[in-house]
PDB file of N, CA and C in Angstrom:
ATOM      1  N   MET A   1     -21.569 -14.816 -73.102  1.00  0.00           N
ATOM      2  CA  MET A   1     -21.523 -14.129 -71.841  1.00  0.00           C
ATOM      3  C   MET A   1     -20.840 -15.016 -70.806  1.00  0.00           C
ATOM      4  N   ARG A   2     -19.929 -14.393 -70.062  1.00  0.00           N
ATOM      5  CA  ARG A   2     -19.176 -15.156 -69.061  1.00  0.00           C
ATOM      6  C   ARG A   2     -19.939 -15.229 -67.758  1.00  0.00           C
ATOM      7  N   GLN A   3     -19.868 -16.399 -67.119  1.00  0.00           N
ATOM      8  CA  GLN A   3     -20.502 -16.546 -65.804  1.00  0.00           C
ATOM      9  C   GLN A   3     -19.531 -16.107 -64.723  1.00  0.00           C
ATOM     10  N   GLN A   4     -20.084 -15.462 -63.707  1.00  0.00           N
ATOM     11  CA  GLN A   4     -19.239 -15.080 -62.584  1.00  0.00           C
ATOM     12  C   GLN A   4     -19.037 -16.280 -61.674  1.00  0.00           C
ATOM     13  N   LYS A   5     -17.838 -16.341 -61.127  1.00  0.00           N
ATOM     14  CA  LYS A   5     -17.559 -17.423 -60.190  1.00  0.00           C
ATOM     15  C   LYS A   5     -18.215 -17.097 -58.860  1.00  0.00           C
ATOM     16  N   ARG A   6     -18.828 -18.097 -58.309  1.00  0.00           N
ATOM     17  CA  ARG A   6     -19.402 -17.936 -56.965  1.00  0.00           C
ATOM     18  C   ARG A   6     -18.286 -18.126 -55.954  1.00  0.00           C
ATOM     19  N   SER A   7     -18.271 -17.236 -54.999  1.00  0.00           N
ATOM     20  CA  SER A   7     -17.232 -17.397 -53.986  1.00  0.00           C
ATOM     21  C   SER A   7     -17.657 -18.478 -52.998  1.00  0.00           C
ATOM     22  N   ALA A   8     -16.715 -19.283 -52.651  1.00  0.00           N
ATOM     23  CA  ALA A   8     -16.985 -20.366 -51.707  1.00  0.00           C
ATOM     24  C   ALA A   8     -17.176 -19.769 -50.316  1.00  0.00           C
ATOM     25  N   PRO A   9     -18.005 -20.398 -49.485  1.00  0.00           N
ATOM     26  CA  PRO A   9     -18.170 -19.870 -48.117  1.00  0.00           C
ATOM     27  C   PRO A   9     -16.842 -19.931 -47.368  1.00  0.00           C
ATOM     28  N   LEU A  10     -16.666 -18.961 -46.506  1.00  0.00           N
ATOM     29  CA  LEU A  10     -15.423 -18.884 -45.738  1.00  0.00           C
ATOM     30  C   LEU A  10     -15.326 -20.058 -44.772  1.00  0.00           C
ATOM     31  N   PRO A  11     -14.122 -20.587 -44.569  1.00  0.00           N
ATOM     32  CA  PRO A  11     -13.980 -21.644 -43.552  1.00  0.00           C
ATOM     33  C   PRO A  11     -14.231 -21.062 -42.164  1.00  0.00           C
ATOM     34  N   LYS A  12     -14.518 -21.930 -41.215  1.00  0.00           N
ATOM     35  CA  LYS A  12     -14.899 -21.485 -39.874  1.00  0.00           C
ATOM     36  C   LYS A  12     -13.842 -20.623 -39.208  1.00  0.00           C
ATOM     37  N   ASN A  13     -12.579 -20.916 -39.437  1.00  0.00           N
ATOM     38  CA  ASN A  13     -11.531 -20.149 -38.773  1.00  0.00           C
ATOM     39  C   ASN A  13     -11.362 -18.750 -39.386  1.00  0.00           C
ATOM     40  N   LYS A  14     -11.975 -18.467 -40.515  1.00  0.00           N
ATOM     41  CA  LYS A  14     -11.868 -17.158 -41.152  1.00  0.00           C
ATOM     42  C   LYS A  14     -13.128 -16.296 -40.941  1.00  0.00           C
ATOM     43  N   ARG A  15     -14.218 -16.912 -40.513  1.00  0.00           N
ATOM     44  CA  ARG A  15     -15.466 -16.170 -40.323  1.00  0.00           C
ATOM     45  C   ARG A  15     -15.385 -15.287 -39.089  1.00  0.00           C
ATOM     46  N   PRO A  16     -16.036 -14.141 -39.129  1.00  0.00           N
ATOM     47  CA  PRO A  16     -16.092 -13.336 -37.897  1.00  0.00           C
ATOM     48  C   PRO A  16     -17.009 -14.009 -36.878  1.00  0.00           C
ATOM     49  N   LYS A  17     -16.681 -13.838 -35.592  1.00  0.00           N
ATOM     50  CA  LYS A  17     -17.494 -14.454 -34.540  1.00  0.00           C
ATOM     51  C   LYS A  17     -18.859 -13.802 -34.491  1.00  0.00           C
ATOM     52  N   ARG A  18     -19.864 -14.588 -34.208  1.00  0.00           N
ATOM     53  CA  ARG A  18     -21.197 -14.007 -34.059  1.00  0.00           C
ATOM     54  C   ARG A  18     -21.353 -13.482 -32.645  1.00  0.00           C
ATOM     55  N   LYS A  19     -22.172 -12.471 -32.498  1.00  0.00           N
ATOM     56  CA  LYS A  19     -22.380 -11.878 -31.187  1.00  0.00           C
ATOM     57  C   LYS A  19     -23.335 -12.743 -30.379  1.00  0.00           C
ATOM     58  N   LEU A  20     -23.130 -12.764 -29.051  1.00  0.00           N
ATOM     59  CA  LEU A  20     -23.996 -13.556 -28.178  1.00  0.00           C
ATOM     60  C   LEU A  20     -25.290 -12.797 -27.919  1.00  0.00           C
ATOM     61  N   SER A  21     -26.365 -13.559 -27.808  1.00  0.00           N
ATOM     62  CA  SER A  21     -27.647 -12.939 -27.470  1.00  0.00           C
ATOM     63  C   SER A  21     -27.658 -12.594 -25.980  1.00  0.00           C
ATOM     64  N   LYS A  22     -28.675 -11.857 -25.556  1.00  0.00           N
ATOM     65  CA  LYS A  22     -28.769 -11.474 -24.151  1.00  0.00           C
ATOM     66  C   LYS A  22     -28.870 -12.699 -23.254  1.00  0.00           C
ATOM     67  N   ALA A  23     -29.644 -13.680 -23.664  1.00  0.00           N
ATOM     68  CA  ALA A  23     -29.805 -14.897 -22.863  1.00  0.00           C
ATOM     69  C   ALA A  23     -28.481 -15.653 -22.759  1.00  0.00           C
ATOM     70  N   GLU A  24     -27.728 -15.705 -23.866  1.00  0.00           N
ATOM     71  CA  GLU A  24     -26.444 -16.395 -23.840  1.00  0.00           C
ATOM     72  C   GLU A  24     -25.439 -15.657 -22.959  1.00  0.00           C
ATOM     73  N   LYS A  25     -25.455 -14.315 -23.003  1.00  0.00           N
ATOM     74  CA  LYS A  25     -24.570 -13.525 -22.149  1.00  0.00           C
ATOM     75  C   LYS A  25     -24.895 -13.750 -20.678  1.00  0.00           C
ATOM     76  N   LYS A  26     -26.180 -13.803 -20.354  1.00  0.00           N
ATOM     77  CA  LYS A  26     -26.609 -14.022 -18.972  1.00  0.00           C
ATOM     78  C   LYS A  26     -26.172 -15.410 -18.497  1.00  0.00           C
ATOM     79  N   ALA A  27     -26.353 -16.421 -19.354  1.00  0.00           N
ATOM     80  CA  ALA A  27     -25.947 -17.789 -18.999  1.00  0.00           C
ATOM     81  C   ALA A  27     -24.441 -17.868 -18.785  1.00  0.00           C
ATOM     82  N   LYS A  28     -23.678 -17.175 -19.629  1.00  0.00           N
ATOM     83  CA  LYS A  28     -22.220 -17.168 -19.490  1.00  0.00           C
ATOM     84  C   LYS A  28     -21.804 -16.503 -18.189  1.00  0.00           C
ATOM     85  N   ARG A  29     -22.456 -15.381 -17.844  1.00  0.00           N
ATOM     86  CA  ARG A  29     -22.146 -14.673 -16.599  1.00  0.00           C
ATOM     87  C   ARG A  29     -22.430 -15.562 -15.388  1.00  0.00           C
ATOM     88  N   LEU A  30     -23.563 -16.266 -15.400  1.00  0.00           N
ATOM     89  CA  LEU A  30     -23.906 -17.171 -14.295  1.00  0.00           C
ATOM     90  C   LEU A  30     -22.908 -18.320 -14.188  1.00  0.00           C
ATOM     91  N   ARG A  31     -22.496 -18.866 -15.333  1.00  0.00           N
ATOM     92  CA  ARG A  31     -21.512 -19.955 -15.341  1.00  0.00           C
ATOM     93  C   ARG A  31     -20.196 -19.491 -14.729  1.00  0.00           C
ATOM     94  N   LYS A  32     -19.760 -18.282 -15.088  1.00  0.00           N
ATOM     95  CA  LYS A  32     -18.505 -17.766 -14.541  1.00  0.00           C
ATOM     96  C   LYS A  32     -18.598 -17.548 -13.047  1.00  0.00           C
ATOM     97  N   GLN A  33     -19.777 -17.174 -12.543  1.00  0.00           N
ATOM     98  CA  GLN A  33     -19.955 -16.980 -11.110  1.00  0.00           C
ATOM     99  C   GLN A  33     -19.957 -18.301 -10.357  1.00  0.00           C
ATOM    100  N   GLN A  34     -20.541 -19.336 -10.932  1.00  0.00           N
ATOM    101  CA  GLN A  34     -20.706 -20.605 -10.233  1.00  0.00           C
ATOM    102  C   GLN A  34     -19.491 -21.520 -10.347  1.00  0.00           C
ATOM    103  N   TYR A  35     -18.739 -21.429 -11.445  1.00  0.00           N
ATOM    104  CA  TYR A  35     -17.640 -22.360 -11.686  1.00  0.00           C
ATOM    105  C   TYR A  35     -16.334 -21.609 -11.870  1.00  0.00           C
ATOM    106  N   GLU A  36     -15.223 -22.297 -11.599  1.00  0.00           N
ATOM    107  CA  GLU A  36     -13.904 -21.762 -11.893  1.00  0.00           C
ATOM    108  C   GLU A  36     -13.155 -22.801 -12.712  1.00  0.00           C
ATOM    109  N   THR A  37     -12.232 -22.344 -13.523  1.00  0.00           N
ATOM    110  CA  THR A  37     -11.473 -23.233 -14.384  1.00  0.00           C
ATOM    111  C   THR A  37     -10.113 -23.482 -13.754  1.00  0.00           C
ATOM    112  N   ILE A  38      -9.763 -24.759 -13.616  1.00  0.00           N
ATOM    113  CA  ILE A  38      -8.468 -25.137 -13.065  1.00  0.00           C
ATOM    114  C   ILE A  38      -7.800 -26.100 -14.039  1.00  0.00           C
ATOM    115  N   PHE A  39      -6.509 -26.294 -13.858  1.00  0.00           N
ATOM    116  CA  PHE A  39      -5.769 -27.225 -14.700  1.00  0.00           C
ATOM    117  C   PHE A  39      -5.469 -28.489 -13.913  1.00  0.00           C
ATOM    118  N   ILE A  40      -5.823 -29.642 -14.492  1.00  0.00           N
ATOM    119  CA  ILE A  40      -5.512 -30.949 -13.918  1.00  0.00           C
ATOM    120  C   ILE A  40      -4.864 -31.777 -15.024  1.00  0.00           C
ATOM    121  N   ASN A  41      -3.651 -32.224 -14.784  1.00  0.00           N
ATOM    122  CA  ASN A  41      -2.891 -33.002 -15.772  1.00  0.00           C
ATOM    123  C   ASN A  41      -2.803 -32.285 -17.122  1.00  0.00           C
ATOM    124  N   GLY A  42      -2.633 -30.976 -17.097  1.00  0.00           N
ATOM    125  CA  GLY A  42      -2.476 -30.211 -18.324  1.00  0.00           C
ATOM    126  C   GLY A  42      -3.764 -29.948 -19.072  1.00  0.00           C
ATOM    127  N   LYS A  43      -4.896 -30.302 -18.489  1.00  0.00           N
ATOM    128  CA  LYS A  43      -6.182 -30.073 -19.145  1.00  0.00           C
ATOM    129  C   LYS A  43      -7.026 -29.138 -18.291  1.00  0.00           C
ATOM    130  N   GLN A  44      -7.833 -28.343 -18.941  1.00  0.00           N
ATOM    131  CA  GLN A  44      -8.707 -27.440 -18.212  1.00  0.00           C
ATOM    132  C   GLN A  44      -9.940 -28.196 -17.732  1.00  0.00           C
ATOM    133  N   LYS A  45     -10.284 -27.989 -16.474  1.00  0.00           N
ATOM    134  CA  LYS A  45     -11.488 -28.591 -15.897  1.00  0.00           C
ATOM    135  C   LYS A  45     -12.297 -27.490 -15.240  1.00  0.00           C
ATOM    136  N   ARG A  46     -13.590 -27.605 -15.308  1.00  0.00           N
ATOM    137  CA  ARG A  46     -14.454 -26.639 -14.650  1.00  0.00           C
ATOM    138  C   ARG A  46     -14.997 -27.269 -13.373  1.00  0.00           C
ATOM    139  N   VAL A  47     -14.754 -26.611 -12.245  1.00  0.00           N
ATOM    140  CA  VAL A  47     -15.222 -27.097 -10.952  1.00  0.00           C
ATOM    141  C   VAL A  47     -16.028 -26.006 -10.270  1.00  0.00           C
ATOM    142  N   LYS A  48     -16.933 -26.419  -9.385  1.00  0.00           N
ATOM    143  CA  LYS A  48     -17.747 -25.438  -8.664  1.00  0.00           C
ATOM    144  C   LYS A  48     -16.877 -24.609  -7.739  1.00  0.00           C
ATOM    145  N   ARG A  49     -17.173 -23.336  -7.643  1.00  0.00           N
ATOM    146  CA  ARG A  49     -16.446 -22.446  -6.743  1.00  0.00           C
ATOM    147  C   ARG A  49     -16.884 -22.714  -5.307  1.00  0.00           C
ATOM    148  N   GLU A  50     -15.965 -22.446  -4.366  1.00  0.00           N
ATOM    149  CA  GLU A  50     -16.331 -22.530  -2.961  1.00  0.00           C
ATOM    150  C   GLU A  50     -17.232 -21.357  -2.622  1.00  0.00           C
ATOM    151  N   PRO A  51     -18.259 -21.581  -1.822  1.00  0.00           N
ATOM    152  CA  PRO A  51     -19.106 -20.444  -1.441  1.00  0.00           C
ATOM    153  C   PRO A  51     -18.326 -19.454  -0.581  1.00  0.00           C
ATOM    154  N   LEU A  52     -18.565 -18.160  -0.795  1.00  0.00           N
ATOM    155  CA  LEU A  52     -17.874 -17.113  -0.060  1.00  0.00           C
ATOM    156  C   LEU A  52     -18.851 -16.336   0.811  1.00  0.00           C
ATOM    157  N   ILE A  53     -18.397 -15.946   1.991  1.00  0.00           N
ATOM    158  CA  ILE A  53     -19.164 -15.076   2.887  1.00  0.00           C
ATOM    159  C   ILE A  53     -18.273 -13.877   3.162  1.00  0.00           C
ATOM    160  N   ASP A  54     -18.690 -12.718   2.747  1.00  0.00           N
ATOM    161  CA  ASP A  54     -17.922 -11.484   2.917  1.00  0.00           C
ATOM    162  C   ASP A  54     -16.495 -11.615   2.379  1.00  0.00           C
ATOM    163  N   GLY A  55     -16.326 -12.334   1.280  1.00  0.00           N
ATOM    164  CA  GLY A  55     -15.017 -12.475   0.659  1.00  0.00           C
ATOM    165  C   GLY A  55     -14.127 -13.544   1.269  1.00  0.00           C
ATOM    166  N   HIS A  56     -14.616 -14.292   2.252  1.00  0.00           N
ATOM    167  CA  HIS A  56     -13.848 -15.366   2.889  1.00  0.00           C
ATOM    168  C   HIS A  56     -14.530 -16.697   2.595  1.00  0.00           C
ATOM    169  N   THR A  57     -13.731 -17.775   2.567  1.00  0.00           N
ATOM    170  CA  THR A  57     -14.340 -19.096   2.461  1.00  0.00           C
ATOM    171  C   THR A  57     -15.104 -19.363   3.757  1.00  0.00           C
ATOM    172  N   VAL A  58     -15.957 -20.364   3.745  1.00  0.00           N
ATOM    173  CA  VAL A  58     -16.799 -20.643   4.910  1.00  0.00           C
ATOM    174  C   VAL A  58     -15.937 -20.961   6.132  1.00  0.00           C
ATOM    175  N   ASP A  59     -14.886 -21.772   5.949  1.00  0.00           N
ATOM    176  CA  ASP A  59     -14.026 -22.146   7.077  1.00  0.00           C
ATOM    177  C   ASP A  59     -13.296 -20.937   7.658  1.00  0.00           C
ATOM    178  N   GLU A  60     -12.796 -20.052   6.778  1.00  0.00           N
ATOM    179  CA  GLU A  60     -12.116 -18.841   7.266  1.00  0.00           C
ATOM    180  C   GLU A  60     -13.090 -17.945   8.021  1.00  0.00           C
ATOM    181  N   TYR A  61     -14.308 -17.818   7.488  1.00  0.00           N
ATOM    182  CA  TYR A  61     -15.318 -16.969   8.123  1.00  0.00           C
ATOM    183  C   TYR A  61     -15.656 -17.491   9.526  1.00  0.00           C
ATOM    184  N   ILE A  62     -15.807 -18.814   9.643  1.00  0.00           N
ATOM    185  CA  ILE A  62     -16.102 -19.419  10.944  1.00  0.00           C
ATOM    186  C   ILE A  62     -14.937 -19.187  11.904  1.00  0.00           C
ATOM    187  N   ALA A  63     -13.713 -19.381  11.423  1.00  0.00           N
ATOM    188  CA  ALA A  63     -12.539 -19.204  12.287  1.00  0.00           C
ATOM    189  C   ALA A  63     -12.426 -17.770  12.789  1.00  0.00           C
ATOM    190  N   ILE A  64     -12.804 -16.806  11.964  1.00  0.00           N
ATOM    191  CA  ILE A  64     -12.686 -15.404  12.341  1.00  0.00           C
ATOM    192  C   ILE A  64     -13.806 -14.977  13.287  1.00  0.00           C
ATOM    193  N   ASN A  65     -15.038 -15.376  12.984  1.00  0.00           N
ATOM    194  CA  ASN A  65     -16.195 -14.779  13.642  1.00  0.00           C
ATOM    195  C   ASN A  65     -16.874 -15.613  14.723  1.00  0.00           C
ATOM    196  N   ALA A  66     -16.639 -16.915  14.775  1.00  0.00           N
ATOM    197  CA  ALA A  66     -17.364 -17.753  15.726  1.00  0.00           C
ATOM    198  C   ALA A  66     -16.778 -17.626  17.131  1.00  0.00           C
ATOM    199  N   ASP A  67     -17.662 -17.704  18.121  1.00  0.00           N
ATOM    200  CA  ASP A  67     -17.181 -17.686  19.505  1.00  0.00           C
ATOM    201  C   ASP A  67     -16.895 -19.117  19.964  1.00  0.00           C
ATOM    202  N   ASP A  68     -16.248 -19.235  21.109  1.00  0.00           N
ATOM    203  CA  ASP A  68     -15.794 -20.541  21.584  1.00  0.00           C
ATOM    204  C   ASP A  68     -16.947 -21.514  21.847  1.00  0.00           C
ATOM    205  N   VAL A  69     -18.061 -21.013  22.365  1.00  0.00           N
ATOM    206  CA  VAL A  69     -19.199 -21.890  22.652  1.00  0.00           C
ATOM    207  C   VAL A  69     -19.730 -22.503  21.364  1.00  0.00           C
ATOM    208  N   TRP A  70     -19.892 -21.674  20.331  1.00  0.00           N
ATOM    209  CA  TRP A  70     -20.401 -22.176  19.055  1.00  0.00           C
ATOM    210  C   TRP A  70     -19.441 -23.199  18.462  1.00  0.00           C
ATOM    211  N   LEU A  71     -18.143 -22.913  18.514  1.00  0.00           N
ATOM    212  CA  LEU A  71     -17.154 -23.856  17.982  1.00  0.00           C
ATOM    213  C   LEU A  71     -17.229 -25.194  18.710  1.00  0.00           C
ATOM    214  N   HIS A  72     -17.406 -25.162  20.029  1.00  0.00           N
ATOM    215  CA  HIS A  72     -17.494 -26.395  20.807  1.00  0.00           C
ATOM    216  C   HIS A  72     -18.765 -27.158  20.468  1.00  0.00           C
ATOM    217  N   GLN A  73     -19.885 -26.458  20.317  1.00  0.00           N
ATOM    218  CA  GLN A  73     -21.155 -27.111  20.001  1.00  0.00           C
ATOM    219  C   GLN A  73     -21.134 -27.782  18.637  1.00  0.00           C
ATOM    220  N   HIS A  74     -20.380 -27.235  17.714  1.00  0.00           N
ATOM    221  CA  HIS A  74     -20.365 -27.765  16.354  1.00  0.00           C
ATOM    222  C   HIS A  74     -19.123 -28.596  16.042  1.00  0.00           C
ATOM    223  N   GLY A  75     -18.299 -28.874  17.049  1.00  0.00           N
ATOM    224  CA  GLY A  75     -17.203 -29.814  16.888  1.00  0.00           C
ATOM    225  C   GLY A  75     -15.955 -29.273  16.230  1.00  0.00           C
ATOM    226  N   TYR A  76     -15.717 -27.979  16.297  1.00  0.00           N
ATOM    227  CA  TYR A  76     -14.499 -27.390  15.731  1.00  0.00           C
ATOM    228  C   TYR A  76     -13.418 -27.327  16.810  1.00  0.00           C
ATOM    229  N   TYR A  77     -13.013 -28.490  17.290  1.00  0.00           N
ATOM    230  CA  TYR A  77     -12.060 -28.553  18.398  1.00  0.00           C
ATOM    231  C   TYR A  77     -10.662 -28.103  17.964  1.00  0.00           C
ATOM    232  N   GLU A  78     -10.321 -28.293  16.669  1.00  0.00           N
ATOM    233  CA  GLU A  78      -9.006 -27.872  16.194  1.00  0.00           C
ATOM    234  C   GLU A  78      -8.860 -26.359  16.316  1.00  0.00           C
ATOM    235  N   LEU A  79      -9.916 -25.628  15.962  1.00  0.00           N
ATOM    236  CA  LEU A  79      -9.856 -24.172  16.056  1.00  0.00           C
ATOM    237  C   LEU A  79      -9.763 -23.716  17.510  1.00  0.00           C
ATOM    238  N   LEU A  80     -10.482 -24.417  18.393  1.00  0.00           N
ATOM    239  CA  LEU A  80     -10.402 -24.085  19.815  1.00  0.00           C
ATOM    240  C   LEU A  80      -8.985 -24.305  20.333  1.00  0.00           C
ATOM    241  N   TYR A  81      -8.369 -25.404  19.898  1.00  0.00           N
ATOM    242  CA  TYR A  81      -7.007 -25.709  20.340  1.00  0.00           C
ATOM    243  C   TYR A  81      -6.033 -24.646  19.832  1.00  0.00           C
ATOM    244  N   GLU A  82      -6.176 -24.253  18.569  1.00  0.00           N
ATOM    245  CA  GLU A  82      -5.300 -23.219  18.010  1.00  0.00           C
ATOM    246  C   GLU A  82      -5.481 -21.894  18.738  1.00  0.00           C
ATOM    247  N   ARG A  83      -6.708 -21.558  19.075  1.00  0.00           N
ATOM    248  CA  ARG A  83      -6.962 -20.317  19.801  1.00  0.00           C
ATOM    249  C   ARG A  83      -6.334 -20.356  21.191  1.00  0.00           C
ATOM    250  N   SER A  84      -6.442 -21.505  21.864  1.00  0.00           N
ATOM    251  CA  SER A  84      -5.853 -21.597  23.204  1.00  0.00           C
ATOM    252  C   SER A  84      -4.329 -21.493  23.130  1.00  0.00           C
ATOM    253  N   LEU A  85      -3.708 -22.066  22.091  1.00  0.00           N
ATOM    254  CA  LEU A  85      -2.263 -21.933  21.912  1.00  0.00           C
ATOM    255  C   LEU A  85      -1.883 -20.484  21.629  1.00  0.00           C
ATOM    256  N   ALA A  86      -2.676 -19.797  20.820  1.00  0.00           N
ATOM    257  CA  ALA A  86      -2.377 -18.404  20.487  1.00  0.00           C
ATOM    258  C   ALA A  86      -2.497 -17.518  21.724  1.00  0.00           C
ATOM    259  N   GLU A  87      -3.464 -17.814  22.592  1.00  0.00           N
ATOM    260  CA  GLU A  87      -3.641 -17.018  23.809  1.00  0.00           C
ATOM    261  C   GLU A  87      -2.513 -17.268  24.808  1.00  0.00           C
ATOM    262  N   SER A  88      -2.023 -18.514  24.854  1.00  0.00           N
ATOM    263  CA  SER A  88      -1.010 -18.848  25.851  1.00  0.00           C
ATOM    264  C   SER A  88       0.407 -18.462  25.422  1.00  0.00           C
ATOM    265  N   SER A  89       0.656 -18.346  24.116  1.00  0.00           N
ATOM    266  CA  SER A  89       2.004 -17.986  23.676  1.00  0.00           C
ATOM    267  C   SER A  89       2.214 -16.480  23.833  1.00  0.00           C
ATOM    268  N   PRO A  90       3.432 -16.053  24.189  1.00  0.00           N
ATOM    269  CA  PRO A  90       3.668 -14.635  24.461  1.00  0.00           C
ATOM    270  C   PRO A  90       3.544 -13.739  23.229  1.00  0.00           C
ATOM    271  N   ASP A  91       3.919 -14.234  22.038  1.00  0.00           N
ATOM    272  CA  ASP A  91       3.855 -13.382  20.859  1.00  0.00           C
ATOM    273  C   ASP A  91       2.543 -13.534  20.093  1.00  0.00           C
ATOM    274  N   GLY A  92       1.675 -14.447  20.503  1.00  0.00           N
ATOM    275  CA  GLY A  92       0.372 -14.619  19.882  1.00  0.00           C
ATOM    276  C   GLY A  92       0.384 -15.450  18.614  1.00  0.00           C
ATOM    277  N   LYS A  93       1.538 -16.028  18.254  1.00  0.00           N
ATOM    278  CA  LYS A  93       1.622 -16.844  17.066  1.00  0.00           C
ATOM    279  C   LYS A  93       1.472 -18.300  17.444  1.00  0.00           C
ATOM    280  N   VAL A  94       0.914 -19.097  16.512  1.00  0.00           N
ATOM    281  CA  VAL A  94       0.711 -20.507  16.752  1.00  0.00           C
ATOM    282  C   VAL A  94       1.841 -21.268  16.074  1.00  0.00           C
ATOM    283  N   CYS A  95       2.519 -22.147  16.813  1.00  0.00           N
ATOM    284  CA  CYS A  95       3.576 -22.995  16.241  1.00  0.00           C
ATOM    285  C   CYS A  95       3.066 -24.426  16.185  1.00  0.00           C
ATOM    286  N   GLY A  96       3.408 -25.120  15.122  1.00  0.00           N
ATOM    287  CA  GLY A  96       3.001 -26.510  14.981  1.00  0.00           C
ATOM    288  C   GLY A  96       3.780 -27.433  15.903  1.00  0.00           C
ATOM    289  N   ASP A  97       4.948 -27.017  16.380  1.00  0.00           N
ATOM    290  CA  ASP A  97       5.763 -27.872  17.229  1.00  0.00           C
ATOM    291  C   ASP A  97       5.203 -27.974  18.644  1.00  0.00           C
ATOM    292  N   GLN A  98       4.304 -27.110  19.033  1.00  0.00           N
ATOM    293  CA  GLN A  98       3.774 -27.136  20.393  1.00  0.00           C
ATOM    294  C   GLN A  98       2.809 -28.282  20.626  1.00  0.00           C
ATOM    295  N   MET A  99       2.398 -28.966  19.551  1.00  0.00           N
ATOM    296  CA  MET A  99       1.462 -30.070  19.717  1.00  0.00           C
ATOM    297  C   MET A  99       2.139 -31.307  20.285  1.00  0.00           C
ATOM    298  N   ARG A 100       3.454 -31.393  20.224  1.00  0.00           N
ATOM    299  CA  ARG A 100       4.164 -32.585  20.692  1.00  0.00           C
ATOM    300  C   ARG A 100       4.401 -32.551  22.154  1.00  0.00           C
TER     301      ARG A 100
END
């Protein structure tokens, strides 16, 4: 009687991927929310995302919504200066050459 040959286990690159469990899917979703992938020197690096408020970064949100008193109290003098230049210029645009 002839023996049947046992098939060797498939190498890793030929195996079908296993499905993620619910806990693993949740962890992956949280990781994607907290970190973003960027390229540095041709390599992928994971860095923390900047916090967003209503779809804007914190600095953009402050520049859009803060009043002059709050900006002065918290030391955002650059934004106050830019606002004063925008108010004084006729077209409302800020030019970098006006600082000289």
